[in-house]
């Protein structure tokens, strides 16, 4: 289904590994719209994909 583009993944925010605690707090707030991703490598800045607040 993913390959057929019938399902899209929704990512709320991408956090670098050094901000894993912040990522967990975001999950705990239950305000997220999609998945919270913790980037293992090559990510020094958190990326917020929710758009303007």
N, C-alpha and C. Protein backbone atom coordinates (compact mmCIF):
# COMPACT_ATOMS: atom_id res chain seq x y z
N UNK A 1 0.82 -1.19 0.00
CA UNK A 1 0.00 0.00 0.00
C UNK A 1 0.86 1.26 0.00
N UNK A 2 1.98 1.22 0.71
CA UNK A 2 2.86 2.39 0.73
C UNK A 2 3.45 2.61 -0.65
N UNK A 3 3.90 1.51 -1.27
CA UNK A 3 4.48 1.63 -2.61
C UNK A 3 3.47 2.15 -3.62
N UNK A 4 2.20 1.83 -3.43
CA UNK A 4 1.14 2.27 -4.33
C UNK A 4 0.63 3.67 -3.99
N UNK A 5 1.27 4.32 -3.01
CA UNK A 5 0.89 5.68 -2.58
C UNK A 5 -0.53 5.75 -2.02
N UNK A 6 -1.01 4.62 -1.46
CA UNK A 6 -2.32 4.61 -0.84
C UNK A 6 -2.25 5.04 0.62
N UNK A 7 -1.05 5.00 1.17
CA UNK A 7 -0.82 5.40 2.56
C UNK A 7 0.31 6.41 2.59
N UNK A 8 0.12 7.52 3.27
CA UNK A 8 1.17 8.51 3.46
C UNK A 8 1.55 8.55 4.93
N UNK A 9 2.84 8.67 5.19
CA UNK A 9 3.27 8.84 6.58
C UNK A 9 3.24 10.32 6.92
N UNK A 10 2.90 10.62 8.13
CA UNK A 10 2.84 12.00 8.60
C UNK A 10 3.87 12.16 9.70
N UNK A 11 4.81 13.07 9.50
CA UNK A 11 5.86 13.33 10.48
C UNK A 11 5.58 14.69 11.11
N UNK A 12 5.45 14.70 12.42
CA UNK A 12 5.21 15.94 13.15
C UNK A 12 6.51 16.73 13.27
N UNK A 13 7.53 16.13 13.87
CA UNK A 13 8.79 16.83 14.11
C UNK A 13 9.95 15.83 14.05
N UNK A 14 11.09 16.29 13.54
CA UNK A 14 12.32 15.50 13.54
C UNK A 14 13.28 16.13 14.53
N UNK A 15 13.75 15.34 15.49
CA UNK A 15 14.70 15.82 16.49
C UNK A 15 16.04 15.13 16.29
N UNK A 16 17.15 15.85 16.52
CA UNK A 16 18.45 15.17 16.53
C UNK A 16 18.56 14.32 17.80
N UNK A 17 19.43 13.34 17.78
CA UNK A 17 19.59 12.43 18.92
C UNK A 17 19.84 13.19 20.23
N UNK A 18 20.58 14.29 20.14
CA UNK A 18 20.90 15.03 21.37
C UNK A 18 19.66 15.66 22.01
N UNK A 19 18.54 15.70 21.29
CA UNK A 19 17.29 16.25 21.83
C UNK A 19 16.24 15.15 22.03
N UNK A 20 16.70 13.94 22.29
CA UNK A 20 15.78 12.82 22.47
C UNK A 20 14.81 13.07 23.62
N UNK A 21 15.27 13.70 24.68
CA UNK A 21 14.37 13.99 25.81
C UNK A 21 13.25 14.93 25.38
N UNK A 22 13.58 15.93 24.55
CA UNK A 22 12.56 16.84 24.03
C UNK A 22 11.55 16.09 23.16
N UNK A 23 12.05 15.14 22.39
CA UNK A 23 11.17 14.34 21.54
C UNK A 23 10.18 13.55 22.39
N UNK A 24 10.66 12.97 23.47
CA UNK A 24 9.77 12.21 24.36
C UNK A 24 8.75 13.13 25.02
N UNK A 25 9.18 14.33 25.39
CA UNK A 25 8.22 15.27 25.98
C UNK A 25 7.15 15.65 24.97
N UNK A 26 7.53 15.80 23.70
CA UNK A 26 6.54 16.13 22.65
C UNK A 26 5.51 15.02 22.53
N UNK A 27 5.95 13.78 22.61
CA UNK A 27 5.02 12.65 22.55
C UNK A 27 4.07 12.69 23.75
N UNK A 28 4.62 12.98 24.91
CA UNK A 28 3.81 13.01 26.13
C UNK A 28 2.73 14.09 26.11
N UNK A 29 2.92 15.17 25.35
CA UNK A 29 1.94 16.25 25.32
C UNK A 29 0.67 15.85 24.58
N UNK A 30 0.77 14.82 23.74
CA UNK A 30 -0.36 14.34 22.94
C UNK A 30 -0.91 15.44 22.03
N UNK A 31 -0.08 16.42 21.67
CA UNK A 31 -0.50 17.47 20.75
C UNK A 31 0.07 17.24 19.36
N UNK A 32 0.82 16.19 19.20
CA UNK A 32 1.45 15.94 17.91
C UNK A 32 0.42 15.51 16.88
N UNK A 33 0.73 15.76 15.62
CA UNK A 33 -0.18 15.44 14.52
C UNK A 33 0.26 14.16 13.82
N UNK A 34 1.53 13.80 13.96
CA UNK A 34 2.06 12.61 13.30
C UNK A 34 3.17 12.02 14.14
N UNK A 35 4.05 11.30 13.47
CA UNK A 35 5.16 10.63 14.14
C UNK A 35 6.21 11.63 14.60
N UNK A 36 6.87 11.30 15.69
CA UNK A 36 8.04 12.03 16.15
C UNK A 36 9.23 11.18 15.75
N UNK A 37 10.19 11.80 15.07
CA UNK A 37 11.36 11.08 14.57
C UNK A 37 12.59 11.57 15.30
N UNK A 38 13.42 10.62 15.74
CA UNK A 38 14.72 10.96 16.32
C UNK A 38 15.78 10.56 15.29
N UNK A 39 16.46 11.57 14.75
CA UNK A 39 17.48 11.33 13.73
C UNK A 39 18.75 10.85 14.41
N UNK A 40 19.26 9.72 13.96
CA UNK A 40 20.45 9.13 14.56
C UNK A 40 21.71 9.85 14.09
N UNK A 41 21.76 10.27 12.84
CA UNK A 41 22.96 10.92 12.32
C UNK A 41 22.59 12.05 11.38
N UNK A 42 23.54 12.98 11.21
CA UNK A 42 23.42 14.03 10.20
C UNK A 42 22.25 14.98 10.43
N UNK A 43 21.97 15.29 11.69
CA UNK A 43 20.89 16.25 11.97
C UNK A 43 21.27 17.05 13.22
N UNK A 44 21.72 18.27 13.03
CA UNK A 44 22.10 19.11 14.15
C UNK A 44 20.97 20.03 14.59
N UNK A 45 19.96 20.18 13.76
CA UNK A 45 18.88 21.12 14.06
C UNK A 45 17.55 20.38 13.98
N UNK A 46 16.72 20.60 14.98
CA UNK A 46 15.38 20.00 14.95
C UNK A 46 14.60 20.60 13.80
N UNK A 47 13.78 19.80 13.17
CA UNK A 47 12.96 20.29 12.07
C UNK A 47 11.51 20.10 12.46
N UNK A 48 10.77 21.16 12.42
CA UNK A 48 9.35 21.14 12.76
C UNK A 48 8.57 21.15 11.46
N UNK A 49 7.80 20.09 11.22
CA UNK A 49 7.07 19.99 9.96
C UNK A 49 5.60 20.37 10.13
N UNK A 50 5.24 20.92 11.30
CA UNK A 50 3.85 21.27 11.56
C UNK A 50 3.44 22.55 10.87
N UNK A 51 4.38 23.33 10.38
CA UNK A 51 4.05 24.59 9.74
C UNK A 51 3.99 25.70 10.77
N UNK A 52 3.49 26.86 10.37
CA UNK A 52 3.44 28.00 11.29
C UNK A 52 2.52 27.73 12.47
N UNK A 53 2.92 28.24 13.62
CA UNK A 53 2.11 28.05 14.84
C UNK A 53 1.00 29.06 14.91
